[in-house]
Amino acid sequence: MTFLHAAHLAAAVIWLGGILSLSLVVAPVLRRLLPAAQRIAVLTAVGKRFQPIGWAGLVVLAVTGVWMAVPAIREGVVILGTPVGQLLIVKSVLFAGIVAVGILHDRLLGPRLVALAERPGATDGPPDAAMLAASRRLRTWGIAHLGLSLAAAGVGVWLAH
């Protein structure tokens, strides 16, 4: 295994392990244990802690992925008619989707939910319709993000063999 492969694999483990932990362990436990406003505060703190780690992992994945694809491109492997070329294109499209959904989550949907939770009276009872809708949107896009990430990892495994 080359350094590039090891770095790519380590970044994938950090990225995928982090979002799997947040999606399948942390968020469900907090949904059961905490009221909406407290849950949002804790998930925001955890998310802010993971963001630089996760985005750094994505940067490493992008750089090492492109770097590993360059020899294949030079050799003419990346042609739409070849399986390797098609897989590289699929993985690139999935990766672009991961980045786009990550930006949507981190820069728009997450902050919007936090703003709704921080309104005066937002913690005085059950969440209102706006908070519920924002929470559902964030969860839906989070599931899409996880699905894209798992699909990209699957294509990566397929490419490695």
C-alpha atoms as a PDB file:
ATOM      1  CA  MET A   1       0.000   0.000   0.000  1.00  0.00           C
ATOM      2  CA  THR A   2       1.392   3.385  -0.956  1.00  0.00           C
ATOM      3  CA  PHE A   3       1.342   6.494   1.209  1.00  0.00           C
ATOM      4  CA  LEU A   4      -1.427   7.936  -0.995  1.00  0.00           C
ATOM      5  CA  HIS A   5      -3.595   4.866  -0.534  1.00  0.00           C
ATOM      6  CA  ALA A   6      -2.992   4.881   3.216  1.00  0.00           C
ATOM      7  CA  ALA A   7      -3.803   8.599   3.497  1.00  0.00           C
ATOM      8  CA  HIS A   8      -6.925   8.142   1.377  1.00  0.00           C
ATOM      9  CA  LEU A   9      -8.077   5.197   3.469  1.00  0.00           C
ATOM     10  CA  ALA A  10      -7.355   6.992   6.770  1.00  0.00           C
ATOM     11  CA  ALA A  11      -9.298  10.063   5.626  1.00  0.00           C
ATOM     12  CA  ALA A  12     -12.207   7.863   4.526  1.00  0.00           C
ATOM     13  CA  VAL A  13     -12.243   6.129   7.915  1.00  0.00           C
ATOM     14  CA  ILE A  14     -12.204   9.465   9.750  1.00  0.00           C
ATOM     15  CA  TRP A  15     -14.950  10.912   7.561  1.00  0.00           C
ATOM     16  CA  LEU A  16     -17.223   7.902   7.362  1.00  0.00           C
ATOM     17  CA  GLY A  17     -16.639   6.856  10.971  1.00  0.00           C
ATOM     18  CA  GLY A  18     -17.499  10.338  12.151  1.00  0.00           C
ATOM     19  CA  ILE A  19     -20.726  10.686  10.234  1.00  0.00           C
ATOM     20  CA  LEU A  20     -21.785   7.137  11.047  1.00  0.00           C
ATOM     21  CA  SER A  21     -21.196   7.796  14.753  1.00  0.00           C
ATOM     22  CA  LEU A  22     -23.108  11.063  14.663  1.00  0.00           C
ATOM     23  CA  SER A  23     -25.975   9.664  12.579  1.00  0.00           C
ATOM     24  CA  LEU A  24     -26.422   6.230  14.096  1.00  0.00           C
ATOM     25  CA  VAL A  25     -25.309   6.702  17.700  1.00  0.00           C
ATOM     26  CA  VAL A  26     -25.176  10.288  18.966  1.00  0.00           C
ATOM     27  CA  ALA A  27     -28.303  11.754  17.323  1.00  0.00           C
ATOM     28  CA  PRO A  28     -30.646   8.839  18.143  1.00  0.00           C
ATOM     29  CA  VAL A  29     -29.503   8.737  21.783  1.00  0.00           C
ATOM     30  CA  LEU A  30     -29.987  12.478  22.153  1.00  0.00           C
ATOM     31  CA  ARG A  31     -33.445  12.252  20.528  1.00  0.00           C
ATOM     32  CA  ARG A  32     -34.470   9.819  23.269  1.00  0.00           C
ATOM     33  CA  LEU A  33     -32.844  11.639  26.191  1.00  0.00           C
ATOM     34  CA  LEU A  34     -33.144  15.376  25.630  1.00  0.00           C
ATOM     35  CA  PRO A  35     -35.855  17.886  24.791  1.00  0.00           C
ATOM     36  CA  ALA A  36     -35.518  19.488  21.348  1.00  0.00           C
ATOM     37  CA  ALA A  37     -33.744  22.700  22.371  1.00  0.00           C
ATOM     38  CA  GLN A  38     -31.147  20.902  24.505  1.00  0.00           C
ATOM     39  CA  ARG A  39     -30.649  18.249  21.826  1.00  0.00           C
ATOM     40  CA  ILE A  40     -30.058  20.937  19.214  1.00  0.00           C
ATOM     41  CA  ALA A  41     -27.531  22.668  21.503  1.00  0.00           C
ATOM     42  CA  VAL A  42     -25.596  19.442  22.116  1.00  0.00           C
ATOM     43  CA  LEU A  43     -25.671  18.375  18.456  1.00  0.00           C
ATOM     44  CA  THR A  44     -24.518  21.854  17.449  1.00  0.00           C
ATOM     45  CA  ALA A  45     -21.559  21.651  19.837  1.00  0.00           C
ATOM     46  CA  VAL A  46     -20.655  18.137  18.669  1.00  0.00           C
ATOM     47  CA  GLY A  47     -21.085  19.172  15.034  1.00  0.00           C
ATOM     48  CA  LYS A  48     -18.858  22.216  15.452  1.00  0.00           C
ATOM     49  CA  ARG A  49     -16.195  20.011  17.007  1.00  0.00           C
ATOM     50  CA  PHE A  50     -16.400  17.484  14.160  1.00  0.00           C
ATOM     51  CA  GLN A  51     -16.613  20.016  11.302  1.00  0.00           C
ATOM     52  CA  PRO A  52     -12.888  20.840  11.032  1.00  0.00           C
ATOM     53  CA  ILE A  53     -11.991  17.163  11.352  1.00  0.00           C
ATOM     54  CA  GLY A  54     -14.602  16.081   8.805  1.00  0.00           C
ATOM     55  CA  TRP A  55     -13.805  18.810   6.286  1.00  0.00           C
ATOM     56  CA  ALA A  56     -10.070  18.100   6.636  1.00  0.00           C
ATOM     57  CA  GLY A  57     -10.843  14.449   5.899  1.00  0.00           C
ATOM     58  CA  LEU A  58     -12.777  15.462   2.794  1.00  0.00           C
ATOM     59  CA  VAL A  59      -9.911  17.658   1.608  1.00  0.00           C
ATOM     60  CA  VAL A  60      -7.471  14.766   2.051  1.00  0.00           C
ATOM     61  CA  LEU A  61      -9.883  12.471   0.192  1.00  0.00           C
ATOM     62  CA  ALA A  62     -10.140  14.937  -2.695  1.00  0.00           C
ATOM     63  CA  VAL A  63      -6.398  15.533  -2.975  1.00  0.00           C
ATOM     64  CA  THR A  64      -5.368  11.893  -2.666  1.00  0.00           C
ATOM     65  CA  GLY A  65      -8.213  10.741  -4.919  1.00  0.00           C
ATOM     66  CA  VAL A  66      -7.210  13.098  -7.711  1.00  0.00           C
ATOM     67  CA  TRP A  67      -3.544  12.287  -7.207  1.00  0.00           C
ATOM     68  CA  MET A  68      -4.226   8.538  -7.453  1.00  0.00           C
ATOM     69  CA  ALA A  69      -6.401   9.034 -10.559  1.00  0.00           C
ATOM     70  CA  VAL A  70      -3.754  11.010 -12.477  1.00  0.00           C
ATOM     71  CA  PRO A  71      -1.757   7.937 -13.591  1.00  0.00           C
ATOM     72  CA  ALA A  72      -4.949   6.285 -14.825  1.00  0.00           C
ATOM     73  CA  ILE A  73      -5.867   9.425 -16.742  1.00  0.00           C
ATOM     74  CA  ARG A  74      -2.368   9.601 -18.263  1.00  0.00           C
ATOM     75  CA  GLU A  75      -2.623   5.975 -19.334  1.00  0.00           C
ATOM     76  CA  GLY A  76      -5.942   6.672 -21.021  1.00  0.00           C
ATOM     77  CA  VAL A  77      -7.930   4.461 -18.639  1.00  0.00           C
ATOM     78  CA  VAL A  78     -10.461   7.172 -17.861  1.00  0.00           C
ATOM     79  CA  ILE A  79     -12.621   6.789 -20.901  1.00  0.00           C
ATOM     80  CA  LEU A  80     -16.359   6.506 -20.604  1.00  0.00           C
ATOM     81  CA  GLY A  81     -16.233   3.093 -22.241  1.00  0.00           C
ATOM     82  CA  THR A  82     -14.020   1.512 -19.560  1.00  0.00           C
ATOM     83  CA  PRO A  83     -15.283   0.190 -16.223  1.00  0.00           C
ATOM     84  CA  VAL A  84     -12.529   1.974 -14.267  1.00  0.00           C
ATOM     85  CA  GLY A  85     -13.281   5.244 -16.037  1.00  0.00           C
ATOM     86  CA  GLN A  86     -16.989   4.900 -15.359  1.00  0.00           C
ATOM     87  CA  LEU A  87     -16.364   4.126 -11.682  1.00  0.00           C
ATOM     88  CA  LEU A  88     -14.062   7.140 -11.323  1.00  0.00           C
ATOM     89  CA  ILE A  89     -16.750   9.357 -12.831  1.00  0.00           C
ATOM     90  CA  VAL A  90     -19.422   7.890 -10.530  1.00  0.00           C
ATOM     91  CA  LYS A  91     -17.184   8.361  -7.495  1.00  0.00           C
ATOM     92  CA  SER A  92     -16.437  11.952  -8.526  1.00  0.00           C
ATOM     93  CA  VAL A  93     -20.140  12.737  -8.888  1.00  0.00           C
ATOM     94  CA  LEU A  94     -20.879  11.146  -5.499  1.00  0.00           C
ATOM     95  CA  PHE A  95     -18.051  13.133  -3.921  1.00  0.00           C
ATOM     96  CA  ALA A  96     -19.386  16.376  -5.409  1.00  0.00           C
ATOM     97  CA  GLY A  97     -22.784  15.504  -3.908  1.00  0.00           C
ATOM     98  CA  ILE A  98     -21.189  14.845  -0.508  1.00  0.00           C
ATOM     99  CA  VAL A  99     -19.511  18.246  -0.568  1.00  0.00           C
ATOM    100  CA  ALA A 100     -22.671  20.031  -1.752  1.00  0.00           C
ATOM    101  CA  VAL A 101     -24.877  18.409   0.889  1.00  0.00           C
ATOM    102  CA  GLY A 102     -22.205  19.041   3.545  1.00  0.00           C
ATOM    103  CA  ILE A 103     -22.182  22.740   2.707  1.00  0.00           C
ATOM    104  CA  LEU A 104     -25.990  22.843   2.723  1.00  0.00           C
ATOM    105  CA  HIS A 105     -26.034  21.101   6.115  1.00  0.00           C
ATOM    106  CA  ASP A 106     -23.255  23.125   7.755  1.00  0.00           C
ATOM    107  CA  ARG A 107     -23.953  26.572   6.329  1.00  0.00           C
ATOM    108  CA  LEU A 108     -27.723  26.735   5.861  1.00  0.00           C
ATOM    109  CA  LEU A 109     -29.865  24.025   7.450  1.00  0.00           C
ATOM    110  CA  GLY A 110     -27.952  23.593  10.717  1.00  0.00           C
ATOM    111  CA  PRO A 111     -27.694  27.324  11.465  1.00  0.00           C
ATOM    112  CA  ARG A 112     -31.376  27.797  10.562  1.00  0.00           C
ATOM    113  CA  LEU A 113     -32.419  25.158  13.100  1.00  0.00           C
ATOM    114  CA  VAL A 114     -30.140  26.670  15.751  1.00  0.00           C
ATOM    115  CA  ALA A 115     -31.671  30.110  15.132  1.00  0.00           C
ATOM    116  CA  LEU A 116     -35.171  28.672  15.551  1.00  0.00           C
ATOM    117  CA  ALA A 117     -34.169  26.922  18.787  1.00  0.00           C
ATOM    118  CA  GLU A 118     -32.646  30.124  20.190  1.00  0.00           C
ATOM    119  CA  ARG A 119     -35.816  32.208  19.729  1.00  0.00           C
ATOM    120  CA  PRO A 120     -37.408  33.496  22.926  1.00  0.00           C
ATOM    121  CA  GLY A 121     -39.846  30.910  24.244  1.00  0.00           C
ATOM    122  CA  ALA A 122     -38.560  28.140  21.978  1.00  0.00           C
ATOM    123  CA  THR A 123     -37.668  26.007  25.004  1.00  0.00           C
ATOM    124  CA  ASP A 124     -40.946  26.606  26.860  1.00  0.00           C
ATOM    125  CA  GLY A 125     -42.716  23.563  25.493  1.00  0.00           C
ATOM    126  CA  PRO A 126     -42.716  21.101  22.669  1.00  0.00           C
ATOM    127  CA  PRO A 127     -41.076  22.257  19.445  1.00  0.00           C
ATOM    128  CA  ASP A 128     -43.288  24.326  17.157  1.00  0.00           C
ATOM    129  CA  ALA A 129     -44.078  23.510  13.536  1.00  0.00           C
ATOM    130  CA  ALA A 130     -41.150  25.558  12.183  1.00  0.00           C
ATOM    131  CA  MET A 131     -38.636  23.751  14.426  1.00  0.00           C
ATOM    132  CA  LEU A 132     -40.097  20.355  13.564  1.00  0.00           C
ATOM    133  CA  ALA A 133     -39.955  21.106   9.833  1.00  0.00           C
ATOM    134  CA  ALA A 134     -36.374  22.410  10.067  1.00  0.00           C
ATOM    135  CA  SER A 135     -35.358  19.373  12.095  1.00  0.00           C
ATOM    136  CA  ARG A 136     -36.942  17.001   9.551  1.00  0.00           C
ATOM    137  CA  ARG A 137     -35.203  18.794   6.676  1.00  0.00           C
ATOM    138  CA  LEU A 138     -31.849  18.583   8.442  1.00  0.00           C
ATOM    139  CA  ARG A 139     -32.357  14.891   9.220  1.00  0.00           C
ATOM    140  CA  THR A 140     -33.460  14.119   5.645  1.00  0.00           C
ATOM    141  CA  TRP A 141     -30.390  15.819   4.159  1.00  0.00           C
ATOM    142  CA  GLY A 142     -28.228  14.125   6.789  1.00  0.00           C
ATOM    143  CA  ILE A 143     -29.532  10.740   5.648  1.00  0.00           C
ATOM    144  CA  ALA A 144     -28.849  11.720   2.026  1.00  0.00           C
ATOM    145  CA  HIS A 145     -25.325  12.743   3.039  1.00  0.00           C
ATOM    146  CA  LEU A 146     -24.761   9.425   4.768  1.00  0.00           C
ATOM    147  CA  GLY A 147     -26.131   7.530   1.759  1.00  0.00           C
ATOM    148  CA  LEU A 148     -23.862   9.401  -0.657  1.00  0.00           C
ATOM    149  CA  SER A 149     -20.886   8.754   1.621  1.00  0.00           C
ATOM    150  CA  LEU A 150     -21.604   5.029   1.876  1.00  0.00           C
ATOM    151  CA  ALA A 151     -22.100   4.805  -1.889  1.00  0.00           C
ATOM    152  CA  ALA A 152     -18.795   6.608  -2.527  1.00  0.00           C
ATOM    153  CA  ALA A 153     -17.035   4.256  -0.105  1.00  0.00           C
ATOM    154  CA  GLY A 154     -18.575   1.286  -1.893  1.00  0.00           C
ATOM    155  CA  VAL A 155     -17.387   2.550  -5.267  1.00  0.00           C
ATOM    156  CA  GLY A 156     -13.942   3.102  -3.737  1.00  0.00           C
ATOM    157  CA  VAL A 157     -13.823  -0.506  -2.570  1.00  0.00           C
ATOM    158  CA  TRP A 158     -14.921  -1.653  -6.012  1.00  0.00           C
ATOM    159  CA  LEU A 159     -12.206   0.471  -7.641  1.00  0.00           C
ATOM    160  CA  ALA A 160      -9.569  -0.987  -5.317  1.00  0.00           C
ATOM    161  CA  HIS A 161     -10.287  -4.505  -6.535  1.00  0.00           C
END
